[in-house]
Amino acid sequence: MRRRPVLWAALLLLAIAAAAGIFWRYSGGSWPALATEQARPAQGQGAGAPAERTVAVEAVEVKVATLTSEIRVIGSLRSNESVVIRPEVGGRVAEILFEEGQRVETGTPLL
């Protein structure tokens, strides 16, 4: 049971180190107390003047373009409806009385 305070102390130190790392990362990579050159006013400025920071930027010309969202895949289709056509009597098909894709009325002979 004595290991619990050591575990909590280790977790607390780990959390403090993580928070310090996050602060350092998002503050520009320098600690406020250690950034003496950035905090030092430039020559000719008073002690109360803010330090100037330069930020590198890249400018590009805006172009109008058409974006398409396209996905190419290989697959198979399965219909949600199907019809099984079976003969009522055995024999050979002598003639097909419809064309593929054609609509037919109920009761129309197909073969």
PDB file of N, CA and C in Angstrom:
ATOM      1  N   MET A   1       0.808  -1.202   0.000  1.00  0.00           N
ATOM      2  CA  MET A   1       0.000   0.000   0.000  1.00  0.00           C
ATOM      3  C   MET A   1       0.851   1.267   0.000  1.00  0.00           C
ATOM      4  N   ARG A   2       2.137   1.150   0.253  1.00  0.00           N
ATOM      5  CA  ARG A   2       3.001   2.320   0.290  1.00  0.00           C
ATOM      6  C   ARG A   2       3.361   2.790  -1.115  1.00  0.00           C
ATOM      7  N   ARG A   3       3.105   1.988  -2.118  1.00  0.00           N
ATOM      8  CA  ARG A   3       3.468   2.368  -3.472  1.00  0.00           C
ATOM      9  C   ARG A   3       2.517   3.420  -4.040  1.00  0.00           C
ATOM     10  N   ARG A   4       1.348   3.549  -3.501  1.00  0.00           N
ATOM     11  CA  ARG A   4       0.372   4.495  -4.049  1.00  0.00           C
ATOM     12  C   ARG A   4       0.854   5.944  -4.009  1.00  0.00           C
ATOM     13  N   PRO A   5       1.421   6.460  -2.935  1.00  0.00           N
ATOM     14  CA  PRO A   5       1.919   7.845  -2.980  1.00  0.00           C
ATOM     15  C   PRO A   5       3.028   8.030  -4.013  1.00  0.00           C
ATOM     16  N   VAL A   6       3.868   7.033  -4.192  1.00  0.00           N
ATOM     17  CA  VAL A   6       4.936   7.132  -5.186  1.00  0.00           C
ATOM     18  C   VAL A   6       4.327   7.150  -6.581  1.00  0.00           C
ATOM     19  N   LEU A   7       3.311   6.319  -6.808  1.00  0.00           N
ATOM     20  CA  LEU A   7       2.629   6.289  -8.097  1.00  0.00           C
ATOM     21  C   LEU A   7       1.968   7.632  -8.399  1.00  0.00           C
ATOM     22  N   TRP A   8       1.278   8.199  -7.410  1.00  0.00           N
ATOM     23  CA  TRP A   8       0.616   9.498  -7.611  1.00  0.00           C
ATOM     24  C   TRP A   8       1.635  10.604  -7.863  1.00  0.00           C
ATOM     25  N   ALA A   9       2.762  10.556  -7.156  1.00  0.00           N
ATOM     26  CA  ALA A   9       3.803  11.568  -7.363  1.00  0.00           C
ATOM     27  C   ALA A   9       4.389  11.452  -8.770  1.00  0.00           C
ATOM     28  N   ALA A  10       4.592  10.215  -9.239  1.00  0.00           N
ATOM     29  CA  ALA A  10       5.125  10.016 -10.589  1.00  0.00           C
ATOM     30  C   ALA A  10       4.126  10.504 -11.637  1.00  0.00           C
ATOM     31  N   LEU A  11       2.848  10.212 -11.454  1.00  0.00           N
ATOM     32  CA  LEU A  11       1.815  10.677 -12.389  1.00  0.00           C
ATOM     33  C   LEU A  11       1.710  12.197 -12.394  1.00  0.00           C
ATOM     34  N   LEU A  12       1.837  12.815 -11.210  1.00  0.00           N
ATOM     35  CA  LEU A  12       1.793  14.278 -11.119  1.00  0.00           C
ATOM     36  C   LEU A  12       2.981  14.900 -11.855  1.00  0.00           C
ATOM     37  N   LEU A  13       4.181  14.345 -11.681  1.00  0.00           N
ATOM     38  CA  LEU A  13       5.350  14.859 -12.388  1.00  0.00           C
ATOM     39  C   LEU A  13       5.211  14.675 -13.899  1.00  0.00           C
ATOM     40  N   LEU A  14       4.662  13.549 -14.322  1.00  0.00           N
ATOM     41  CA  LEU A  14       4.441  13.300 -15.738  1.00  0.00           C
ATOM     42  C   LEU A  14       3.435  14.301 -16.315  1.00  0.00           C
ATOM     43  N   ALA A  15       2.365  14.594 -15.578  1.00  0.00           N
ATOM     44  CA  ALA A  15       1.370  15.561 -16.042  1.00  0.00           C
ATOM     45  C   ALA A  15       1.972  16.965 -16.129  1.00  0.00           C
ATOM     46  N   ILE A  16       2.796  17.342 -15.167  1.00  0.00           N
ATOM     47  CA  ILE A  16       3.440  18.661 -15.192  1.00  0.00           C
ATOM     48  C   ILE A  16       4.390  18.758 -16.383  1.00  0.00           C
ATOM     49  N   ALA A  17       5.149  17.696 -16.634  1.00  0.00           N
ATOM     50  CA  ALA A  17       6.073  17.705 -17.769  1.00  0.00           C
ATOM     51  C   ALA A  17       5.311  17.795 -19.087  1.00  0.00           C
ATOM     52  N   ALA A  18       4.193  17.087 -19.200  1.00  0.00           N
ATOM     53  CA  ALA A  18       3.388  17.146 -20.423  1.00  0.00           C
ATOM     54  C   ALA A  18       2.811  18.543 -20.626  1.00  0.00           C
ATOM     55  N   ALA A  19       2.293  19.151 -19.556  1.00  0.00           N
ATOM     56  CA  ALA A  19       1.741  20.500 -19.666  1.00  0.00           C
ATOM     57  C   ALA A  19       2.825  21.498 -20.043  1.00  0.00           C
ATOM     58  N   ALA A  20       4.023  21.345 -19.481  1.00  0.00           N
ATOM     59  CA  ALA A  20       5.120  22.247 -19.822  1.00  0.00           C
ATOM     60  C   ALA A  20       5.531  22.075 -21.280  1.00  0.00           C
ATOM     61  N   GLY A  21       5.554  20.838 -21.752  1.00  0.00           N
ATOM     62  CA  GLY A  21       5.897  20.588 -23.154  1.00  0.00           C
ATOM     63  C   GLY A  21       4.877  21.186 -24.101  1.00  0.00           C
ATOM     64  N   ILE A  22       3.604  21.056 -23.768  1.00  0.00           N
ATOM     65  CA  ILE A  22       2.547  21.643 -24.612  1.00  0.00           C
ATOM     66  C   ILE A  22       2.662  23.164 -24.615  1.00  0.00           C
ATOM     67  N   PHE A  23       2.891  23.759 -23.454  1.00  0.00           N
ATOM     68  CA  PHE A  23       3.046  25.210 -23.380  1.00  0.00           C
ATOM     69  C   PHE A  23       4.242  25.671 -24.208  1.00  0.00           C
ATOM     70  N   TRP A  24       5.355  24.945 -24.098  1.00  0.00           N
ATOM     71  CA  TRP A  24       6.559  25.303 -24.845  1.00  0.00           C
ATOM     72  C   TRP A  24       6.331  25.196 -26.339  1.00  0.00           C
ATOM     73  N   ARG A  25       5.614  24.156 -26.776  1.00  0.00           N
ATOM     74  CA  ARG A  25       5.355  23.930 -28.207  1.00  0.00           C
ATOM     75  C   ARG A  25       4.502  25.056 -28.796  1.00  0.00           C
ATOM     76  N   TYR A  26       3.464  25.464 -28.093  1.00  0.00           N
ATOM     77  CA  TYR A  26       2.541  26.462 -28.633  1.00  0.00           C
ATOM     78  C   TYR A  26       2.912  27.896 -28.280  1.00  0.00           C
ATOM     79  N   SER A  27       3.977  28.094 -27.524  1.00  0.00           N
ATOM     80  CA  SER A  27       4.410  29.459 -27.222  1.00  0.00           C
ATOM     81  C   SER A  27       5.533  29.900 -28.139  1.00  0.00           C
ATOM     82  N   GLY A  28       5.784  29.162 -29.207  1.00  0.00           N
ATOM     83  CA  GLY A  28       6.810  29.548 -30.158  1.00  0.00           C
ATOM     84  C   GLY A  28       8.137  28.882 -29.897  1.00  0.00           C
ATOM     85  N   GLY A  29       8.188  27.924 -29.019  1.00  0.00           N
ATOM     86  CA  GLY A  29       9.417  27.178 -28.775  1.00  0.00           C
ATOM     87  C   GLY A  29      10.398  27.866 -27.855  1.00  0.00           C
ATOM     88  N   SER A  30       9.926  28.830 -27.062  1.00  0.00           N
ATOM     89  CA  SER A  30      10.843  29.471 -26.112  1.00  0.00           C
ATOM     90  C   SER A  30      10.073  29.817 -24.841  1.00  0.00           C
ATOM     91  N   TRP A  31      10.772  29.718 -23.731  1.00  0.00           N
ATOM     92  CA  TRP A  31      10.164  30.053 -22.449  1.00  0.00           C
ATOM     93  C   TRP A  31      10.194  31.568 -22.278  1.00  0.00           C
ATOM     94  N   PRO A  32       9.171  32.166 -21.680  1.00  0.00           N
ATOM     95  CA  PRO A  32       9.152  33.624 -21.515  1.00  0.00           C
ATOM     96  C   PRO A  32      10.359  34.146 -20.742  1.00  0.00           C
ATOM     97  N   ALA A  33      10.811  33.463 -19.707  1.00  0.00           N
ATOM     98  CA  ALA A  33      11.940  33.951 -18.914  1.00  0.00           C
ATOM     99  C   ALA A  33      13.252  33.791 -19.666  1.00  0.00           C
ATOM    100  N   LEU A  34      13.326  32.824 -20.590  1.00  0.00           N
ATOM    101  CA  LEU A  34      14.559  32.568 -21.313  1.00  0.00           C
ATOM    102  C   LEU A  34      14.642  33.334 -22.628  1.00  0.00           C
ATOM    103  N   ALA A  35      13.567  33.897 -23.081  1.00  0.00           N
ATOM    104  CA  ALA A  35      13.538  34.601 -24.363  1.00  0.00           C
ATOM    105  C   ALA A  35      13.965  36.040 -24.169  1.00  0.00           C
ATOM    106  N   THR A  36      15.192  36.236 -23.781  1.00  0.00           N
ATOM    107  CA  THR A  36      15.662  37.583 -23.460  1.00  0.00           C
ATOM    108  C   THR A  36      15.784  38.446 -24.700  1.00  0.00           C
ATOM    109  N   GLU A  37      16.148  37.874 -25.844  1.00  0.00           N
ATOM    110  CA  GLU A  37      16.306  38.676 -27.060  1.00  0.00           C
ATOM    111  C   GLU A  37      14.974  39.151 -27.594  1.00  0.00           C
ATOM    112  N   GLN A  38      13.940  38.339 -27.442  1.00  0.00           N
ATOM    113  CA  GLN A  38      12.629  38.755 -27.927  1.00  0.00           C
ATOM    114  C   GLN A  38      11.999  39.773 -26.986  1.00  0.00           C
ATOM    115  N   ALA A  39      12.285  39.643 -25.708  1.00  0.00           N
ATOM    116  CA  ALA A  39      11.687  40.548 -24.741  1.00  0.00           C
ATOM    117  C   ALA A  39      12.440  41.872 -24.669  1.00  0.00           C
ATOM    118  N   ARG A  40      13.683  41.889 -25.134  1.00  0.00           N
ATOM    119  CA  ARG A  40      14.489  43.101 -25.085  1.00  0.00           C
ATOM    120  C   ARG A  40      13.976  44.100 -26.124  1.00  0.00           C
ATOM    121  N   PRO A  41      13.721  45.351 -25.759  1.00  0.00           N
ATOM    122  CA  PRO A  41      13.265  46.315 -26.745  1.00  0.00           C
ATOM    123  C   PRO A  41      14.363  46.640 -27.748  1.00  0.00           C
ATOM    124  N   ALA A  42      13.965  46.933 -28.978  1.00  0.00           N
ATOM    125  CA  ALA A  42      14.922  47.291 -30.026  1.00  0.00           C
ATOM    126  C   ALA A  42      15.529  48.648 -29.715  1.00  0.00           C
ATOM    127  N   GLN A  43      16.674  48.928 -30.339  1.00  0.00           N
ATOM    128  CA  GLN A  43      17.335  50.208 -30.086  1.00  0.00           C
ATOM    129  C   GLN A  43      16.440  51.334 -30.561  1.00  0.00           C
ATOM    130  N   GLY A  44      16.388  52.374 -29.787  1.00  0.00           N
ATOM    131  CA  GLY A  44      15.571  53.525 -30.128  1.00  0.00           C
ATOM    132  C   GLY A  44      14.166  53.436 -29.555  1.00  0.00           C
ATOM    133  N   GLN A  45      13.799  52.286 -28.997  1.00  0.00           N
ATOM    134  CA  GLN A  45      12.477  52.160 -28.395  1.00  0.00           C
ATOM    135  C   GLN A  45      12.624  52.264 -26.881  1.00  0.00           C
ATOM    136  N   GLY A  46      11.577  52.663 -26.252  1.00  0.00           N
ATOM    137  CA  GLY A  46      11.599  52.774 -24.805  1.00  0.00           C
ATOM    138  C   GLY A  46      11.480  51.405 -24.160  1.00  0.00           C
ATOM    139  N   ALA A  47      11.654  51.365 -22.853  1.00  0.00           N
ATOM    140  CA  ALA A  47      11.605  50.096 -22.128  1.00  0.00           C
ATOM    141  C   ALA A  47      10.201  49.509 -22.142  1.00  0.00           C
ATOM    142  N   GLY A  48       9.181  50.351 -22.287  1.00  0.00           N
ATOM    143  CA  GLY A  48       7.799  49.863 -22.263  1.00  0.00           C
ATOM    144  C   GLY A  48       7.275  49.463 -23.634  1.00  0.00           C
ATOM    145  N   ALA A  49       8.063  49.665 -24.701  1.00  0.00           N
ATOM    146  CA  ALA A  49       7.586  49.346 -26.047  1.00  0.00           C
ATOM    147  C   ALA A  49       7.601  47.839 -26.280  1.00  0.00           C
ATOM    148  N   PRO A  50       6.599  47.297 -26.987  1.00  0.00           N
ATOM    149  CA  PRO A  50       6.568  45.857 -27.242  1.00  0.00           C
ATOM    150  C   PRO A  50       7.642  45.458 -28.252  1.00  0.00           C
ATOM    151  N   ALA A  51       8.177  44.275 -28.090  1.00  0.00           N
ATOM    152  CA  ALA A  51       9.198  43.765 -29.010  1.00  0.00           C
ATOM    153  C   ALA A  51       8.523  43.358 -30.319  1.00  0.00           C
ATOM    154  N   GLU A  52       9.199  43.590 -31.440  1.00  0.00           N
ATOM    155  CA  GLU A  52       8.654  43.233 -32.750  1.00  0.00           C
ATOM    156  C   GLU A  52       9.030  41.800 -33.087  1.00  0.00           C
ATOM    157  N   ARG A  53       8.082  41.080 -33.657  1.00  0.00           N
ATOM    158  CA  ARG A  53       8.340  39.715 -34.113  1.00  0.00           C
ATOM    159  C   ARG A  53       8.076  39.660 -35.598  1.00  0.00           C
ATOM    160  N   THR A  54       8.924  38.982 -36.308  1.00  0.00           N
ATOM    161  CA  THR A  54       8.681  38.791 -37.730  1.00  0.00           C
ATOM    162  C   THR A  54       8.143  37.391 -37.948  1.00  0.00           C
ATOM    163  N   VAL A  55       7.180  37.312 -38.827  1.00  0.00           N
ATOM    164  CA  VAL A  55       6.559  36.033 -39.132  1.00  0.00           C
ATOM    165  C   VAL A  55       6.734  35.778 -40.622  1.00  0.00           C
ATOM    166  N   ALA A  56       7.261  34.628 -40.969  1.00  0.00           N
ATOM    167  CA  ALA A  56       7.443  34.280 -42.375  1.00  0.00           C
ATOM    168  C   ALA A  56       6.108  33.839 -42.959  1.00  0.00           C
ATOM    169  N   VAL A  57       5.719  34.438 -44.077  1.00  0.00           N
ATOM    170  CA  VAL A  57       4.473  34.064 -44.753  1.00  0.00           C
ATOM    171  C   VAL A  57       4.772  33.787 -46.214  1.00  0.00           C
ATOM    172  N   GLU A  58       3.910  33.026 -46.842  1.00  0.00           N
ATOM    173  CA  GLU A  58       4.043  32.723 -48.259  1.00  0.00           C
ATOM    174  C   GLU A  58       2.738  33.095 -48.937  1.00  0.00           C
ATOM    175  N   ALA A  59       2.809  33.904 -49.960  1.00  0.00           N
ATOM    176  CA  ALA A  59       1.615  34.325 -50.679  1.00  0.00           C
ATOM    177  C   ALA A  59       1.561  33.607 -52.017  1.00  0.00           C
ATOM    178  N   VAL A  60       0.367  33.148 -52.386  1.00  0.00           N
ATOM    179  CA  VAL A  60       0.168  32.497 -53.683  1.00  0.00           C
ATOM    180  C   VAL A  60      -1.056  33.105 -54.343  1.00  0.00           C
ATOM    181  N   GLU A  61      -1.095  33.013 -55.650  1.00  0.00           N
ATOM    182  CA  GLU A  61      -2.218  33.537 -56.410  1.00  0.00           C
ATOM    183  C   GLU A  61      -3.395  32.569 -56.312  1.00  0.00           C
ATOM    184  N   VAL A  62      -4.570  33.112 -56.085  1.00  0.00           N
ATOM    185  CA  VAL A  62      -5.777  32.298 -55.977  1.00  0.00           C
ATOM    186  C   VAL A  62      -6.256  31.937 -57.376  1.00  0.00           C
ATOM    187  N   LYS A  63      -6.564  30.657 -57.580  1.00  0.00           N
ATOM    188  CA  LYS A  63      -7.051  30.190 -58.873  1.00  0.00           C
ATOM    189  C   LYS A  63      -8.377  29.483 -58.681  1.00  0.00           C
ATOM    190  N   VAL A  64      -9.292  29.708 -59.610  1.00  0.00           N
ATOM    191  CA  VAL A  64     -10.579  29.020 -59.578  1.00  0.00           C
ATOM    192  C   VAL A  64     -10.407  27.675 -60.266  1.00  0.00           C
ATOM    193  N   ALA A  65     -10.847  26.610 -59.610  1.00  0.00           N
ATOM    194  CA  ALA A  65     -10.722  25.266 -60.176  1.00  0.00           C
ATOM    195  C   ALA A  65     -11.944  24.450 -59.797  1.00  0.00           C
ATOM    196  N   THR A  66     -12.226  23.458 -60.606  1.00  0.00           N
ATOM    197  CA  THR A  66     -13.330  22.549 -60.323  1.00  0.00           C
ATOM    198  C   THR A  66     -12.774  21.309 -59.635  1.00  0.00           C
ATOM    199  N   LEU A  67     -13.332  20.987 -58.484  1.00  0.00           N
ATOM    200  CA  LEU A  67     -12.916  19.802 -57.761  1.00  0.00           C
ATOM    201  C   LEU A  67     -13.968  18.722 -57.938  1.00  0.00           C
ATOM    202  N   THR A  68     -13.520  17.523 -58.230  1.00  0.00           N
ATOM    203  CA  THR A  68     -14.456  16.411 -58.355  1.00  0.00           C
ATOM    204  C   THR A  68     -14.159  15.396 -57.270  1.00  0.00           C
ATOM    205  N   SER A  69     -15.211  14.832 -56.765  1.00  0.00           N
ATOM    206  CA  SER A  69     -15.079  13.783 -55.766  1.00  0.00           C
ATOM    207  C   SER A  69     -15.450  12.482 -56.457  1.00  0.00           C
ATOM    208  N   GLU A  70     -14.452  11.656 -56.704  1.00  0.00           N
ATOM    209  CA  GLU A  70     -14.673  10.448 -57.480  1.00  0.00           C
ATOM    210  C   GLU A  70     -13.987   9.275 -56.803  1.00  0.00           C
ATOM    211  N   ILE A  71     -14.687   8.154 -56.758  1.00  0.00           N
ATOM    212  CA  ILE A  71     -14.124   6.940 -56.192  1.00  0.00           C
ATOM    213  C   ILE A  71     -14.282   5.835 -57.222  1.00  0.00           C
ATOM    214  N   ARG A  72     -13.193   5.160 -57.543  1.00  0.00           N
ATOM    215  CA  ARG A  72     -13.245   4.040 -58.484  1.00  0.00           C
ATOM    216  C   ARG A  72     -13.090   2.751 -57.684  1.00  0.00           C
ATOM    217  N   VAL A  73     -14.079   1.891 -57.801  1.00  0.00           N
ATOM    218  CA  VAL A  73     -14.052   0.627 -57.073  1.00  0.00           C
ATOM    219  C   VAL A  73     -14.518  -0.502 -57.979  1.00  0.00           C
ATOM    220  N   ILE A  74     -14.205  -1.693 -57.596  1.00  0.00           N
ATOM    221  CA  ILE A  74     -14.673  -2.876 -58.294  1.00  0.00           C
ATOM    222  C   ILE A  74     -15.622  -3.603 -57.355  1.00  0.00           C
ATOM    223  N   GLY A  75     -16.764  -4.010 -57.869  1.00  0.00           N
ATOM    224  CA  GLY A  75     -17.728  -4.689 -57.017  1.00  0.00           C
ATOM    225  C   GLY A  75     -18.749  -5.441 -57.837  1.00  0.00           C
ATOM    226  N   SER A  76     -19.752  -5.903 -57.166  1.00  0.00           N
ATOM    227  CA  SER A  76     -20.845  -6.599 -57.844  1.00  0.00           C
ATOM    228  C   SER A  76     -22.160  -6.046 -57.324  1.00  0.00           C
ATOM    229  N   LEU A  77     -23.159  -6.120 -58.167  1.00  0.00           N
ATOM    230  CA  LEU A  77     -24.479  -5.604 -57.814  1.00  0.00           C
ATOM    231  C   LEU A  77     -25.429  -6.761 -57.548  1.00  0.00           C
ATOM    232  N   ARG A  78     -26.311  -6.561 -56.616  1.00  0.00           N
ATOM    233  CA  ARG A  78     -27.347  -7.541 -56.326  1.00  0.00           C
ATOM    234  C   ARG A  78     -28.668  -6.783 -56.240  1.00  0.00           C
ATOM    235  N   SER A  79     -29.641  -7.218 -57.031  1.00  0.00           N
ATOM    236  CA  SER A  79     -30.924  -6.513 -57.050  1.00  0.00           C
ATOM    237  C   SER A  79     -31.691  -6.799 -55.766  1.00  0.00           C
ATOM    238  N   ASN A  80     -32.568  -5.873 -55.406  1.00  0.00           N
ATOM    239  CA  ASN A  80     -33.376  -6.085 -54.205  1.00  0.00           C
ATOM    240  C   ASN A  80     -34.678  -6.826 -54.538  1.00  0.00           C
ATOM    241  N   GLU A  81     -34.924  -7.068 -55.829  1.00  0.00           N
ATOM    242  CA  GLU A  81     -36.081  -7.842 -56.258  1.00  0.00           C
ATOM    243  C   GLU A  81     -35.626  -8.833 -57.318  1.00  0.00           C
ATOM    244  N   SER A  82     -36.290  -9.977 -57.380  1.00  0.00           N
ATOM    245  CA  SER A  82     -35.945 -10.952 -58.412  1.00  0.00           C
ATOM    246  C   SER A  82     -37.194 -11.733 -58.805  1.00  0.00           C
ATOM    247  N   VAL A  83     -37.123 -12.321 -59.977  1.00  0.00           N
ATOM    248  CA  VAL A  83     -38.223 -13.128 -60.501  1.00  0.00           C
ATOM    249  C   VAL A  83     -37.633 -14.418 -61.037  1.00  0.00           C
ATOM    250  N   VAL A  84     -38.235 -15.533 -60.675  1.00  0.00           N
ATOM    251  CA  VAL A  84     -37.810 -16.821 -61.198  1.00  0.00           C
ATOM    252  C   VAL A  84     -38.852 -17.255 -62.226  1.00  0.00           C
ATOM    253  N   ILE A  85     -38.391 -17.471 -63.449  1.00  0.00           N
ATOM    254  CA  ILE A  85     -39.295 -17.903 -64.516  1.00  0.00           C
ATOM    255  C   ILE A  85     -39.046 -19.387 -64.750  1.00  0.00           C
ATOM    256  N   ARG A  86     -40.097 -20.195 -64.564  1.00  0.00           N
ATOM    257  CA  ARG A  86     -40.003 -21.635 -64.758  1.00  0.00           C
ATOM    258  C   ARG A  86     -41.111 -22.081 -65.708  1.00  0.00           C
ATOM    259  N   PRO A  87     -40.832 -23.060 -66.497  1.00  0.00           N
ATOM    260  CA  PRO A  87     -41.891 -23.557 -67.385  1.00  0.00           C
ATOM    261  C   PRO A  87     -42.899 -24.401 -66.611  1.00  0.00           C
ATOM    262  N   GLU A  88     -44.165 -24.340 -67.061  1.00  0.00           N
ATOM    263  CA  GLU A  88     -45.188 -25.197 -66.460  1.00  0.00           C
ATOM    264  C   GLU A  88     -45.110 -26.598 -67.060  1.00  0.00           C
ATOM    265  N   VAL A  89     -44.599 -26.694 -68.270  1.00  0.00           N
ATOM    266  CA  VAL A  89     -44.456 -27.983 -68.935  1.00  0.00           C
ATOM    267  C   VAL A  89     -43.048 -28.079 -69.498  1.00  0.00           C
ATOM    268  N   GLY A  90     -42.539 -29.289 -69.648  1.00  0.00           N
ATOM    269  CA  GLY A  90     -41.216 -29.473 -70.215  1.00  0.00           C
ATOM    270  C   GLY A  90     -41.228 -29.286 -71.724  1.00  0.00           C
ATOM    271  N   GLY A  91     -40.135 -28.892 -72.327  1.00  0.00           N
ATOM    272  CA  GLY A  91     -40.055 -28.740 -73.766  1.00  0.00           C
ATOM    273  C   GLY A  91     -38.988 -27.741 -74.151  1.00  0.00           C
ATOM    274  N   ARG A  92     -38.892 -27.462 -75.450  1.00  0.00           N
ATOM    275  CA  ARG A  92     -37.922 -26.507 -75.969  1.00  0.00           C
ATOM    276  C   ARG A  92     -38.588 -25.163 -76.219  1.00  0.00           C
ATOM    277  N   VAL A  93     -37.804 -24.095 -76.112  1.00  0.00           N
ATOM    278  CA  VAL A  93     -38.303 -22.752 -76.419  1.00  0.00           C
ATOM    279  C   VAL A  93     -38.230 -22.586 -77.928  1.00  0.00           C
ATOM    280  N   ALA A  94     -39.379 -22.334 -78.545  1.00  0.00           N
ATOM    281  CA  ALA A  94     -39.442 -22.170 -79.990  1.00  0.00           C
ATOM    282  C   ALA A  94     -39.249 -20.719 -80.388  1.00  0.00           C
ATOM    283  N   GLU A  95     -39.715 -19.789 -79.541  1.00  0.00           N
ATOM    284  CA  GLU A  95     -39.645 -18.376 -79.900  1.00  0.00           C
ATOM    285  C   GLU A  95     -39.648 -17.527 -78.632  1.00  0.00           C
ATOM    286  N   ILE A  96     -38.846 -16.449 -78.617  1.00  0.00           N
ATOM    287  CA  ILE A  96     -38.854 -15.491 -77.511  1.00  0.00           C
ATOM    288  C   ILE A  96     -39.674 -14.307 -77.973  1.00  0.00           C
ATOM    289  N   LEU A  97     -40.745 -13.994 -77.223  1.00  0.00           N
ATOM    290  CA  LEU A  97     -41.718 -12.982 -77.645  1.00  0.00           C
ATOM    291  C   LEU A  97     -41.503 -11.615 -76.984  1.00  0.00           C
ATOM    292  N   PHE A  98     -40.325 -11.354 -76.466  1.00  0.00           N
ATOM    293  CA  PHE A  98     -40.050 -10.046 -75.863  1.00  0.00           C
ATOM    294  C   PHE A  98     -38.595  -9.690 -76.120  1.00  0.00           C
ATOM    295  N   GLU A  99     -38.274  -8.420 -75.950  1.00  0.00           N
ATOM    296  CA  GLU A  99     -36.898  -7.947 -76.078  1.00  0.00           C
ATOM    297  C   GLU A  99     -36.380  -7.615 -74.674  1.00  0.00           C
ATOM    298  N   GLU A 100     -35.107  -7.769 -74.471  1.00  0.00           N
ATOM    299  CA  GLU A 100     -34.524  -7.521 -73.163  1.00  0.00           C
ATOM    300  C   GLU A 100     -34.764  -6.072 -72.751  1.00  0.00           C
ATOM    301  N   GLY A 101     -35.259  -5.879 -71.537  1.00  0.00           N
ATOM    302  CA  GLY A 101     -35.522  -4.544 -71.008  1.00  0.00           C
ATOM    303  C   GLY A 101     -36.887  -4.003 -71.363  1.00  0.00           C
ATOM    304  N   GLN A 102     -37.640  -4.728 -72.184  1.00  0.00           N
ATOM    305  CA  GLN A 102     -38.965  -4.272 -72.615  1.00  0.00           C
ATOM    306  C   GLN A 102     -39.979  -4.486 -71.496  1.00  0.00           C
ATOM    307  N   ARG A 103     -40.926  -3.556 -71.378  1.00  0.00           N
ATOM    308  CA  ARG A 103     -42.014  -3.715 -70.407  1.00  0.00           C
ATOM    309  C   ARG A 103     -43.111  -4.567 -71.023  1.00  0.00           C
ATOM    310  N   VAL A 104     -43.666  -5.432 -70.210  1.00  0.00           N
ATOM    311  CA  VAL A 104     -44.754  -6.307 -70.686  1.00  0.00           C
ATOM    312  C   VAL A 104     -45.917  -6.242 -69.711  1.00  0.00           C
ATOM    313  N   GLU A 105     -47.093  -6.478 -70.229  1.00  0.00           N
ATOM    314  CA  GLU A 105     -48.296  -6.464 -69.395  1.00  0.00           C
ATOM    315  C   GLU A 105     -48.455  -7.826 -68.711  1.00  0.00           C
ATOM    316  N   THR A 106     -49.211  -7.841 -67.657  1.00  0.00           N
ATOM    317  CA  THR A 106     -49.502  -9.076 -66.945  1.00  0.00           C
ATOM    318  C   THR A 106     -50.267 -10.025 -67.867  1.00  0.00           C
ATOM    319  N   GLY A 107     -49.853 -11.271 -67.896  1.00  0.00           N
ATOM    320  CA  GLY A 107     -50.534 -12.284 -68.713  1.00  0.00           C
ATOM    321  C   GLY A 107     -50.023 -12.370 -70.142  1.00  0.00           C
ATOM    322  N   THR A 108     -49.119 -11.518 -70.570  1.00  0.00           N
ATOM    323  CA  THR A 108     -48.576 -11.570 -71.933  1.00  0.00           C
ATOM    324  C   THR A 108     -47.636 -12.759 -72.042  1.00  0.00           C
ATOM    325  N   PRO A 109     -47.791 -13.588 -73.071  1.00  0.00           N
ATOM    326  CA  PRO A 109     -46.858 -14.731 -73.252  1.00  0.00           C
ATOM    327  C   PRO A 109     -45.446 -14.214 -73.549  1.00  0.00           C
ATOM    328  N   LEU A 110     -44.455 -14.780 -72.912  1.00  0.00           N
ATOM    329  CA  LEU A 110     -43.066 -14.368 -73.085  1.00  0.00           C
ATOM    330  C   LEU A 110     -42.311 -15.338 -74.004  1.00  0.00           C
ATOM    331  N   LEU A 111     -42.643 -16.644 -73.910  1.00  0.00           N
ATOM    332  CA  LEU A 111     -41.934 -17.655 -74.694  1.00  0.00           C
ATOM    333  C   LEU A 111     -42.928 -18.525 -75.438  1.00  0.00           C
TER     334      LEU A 111
END
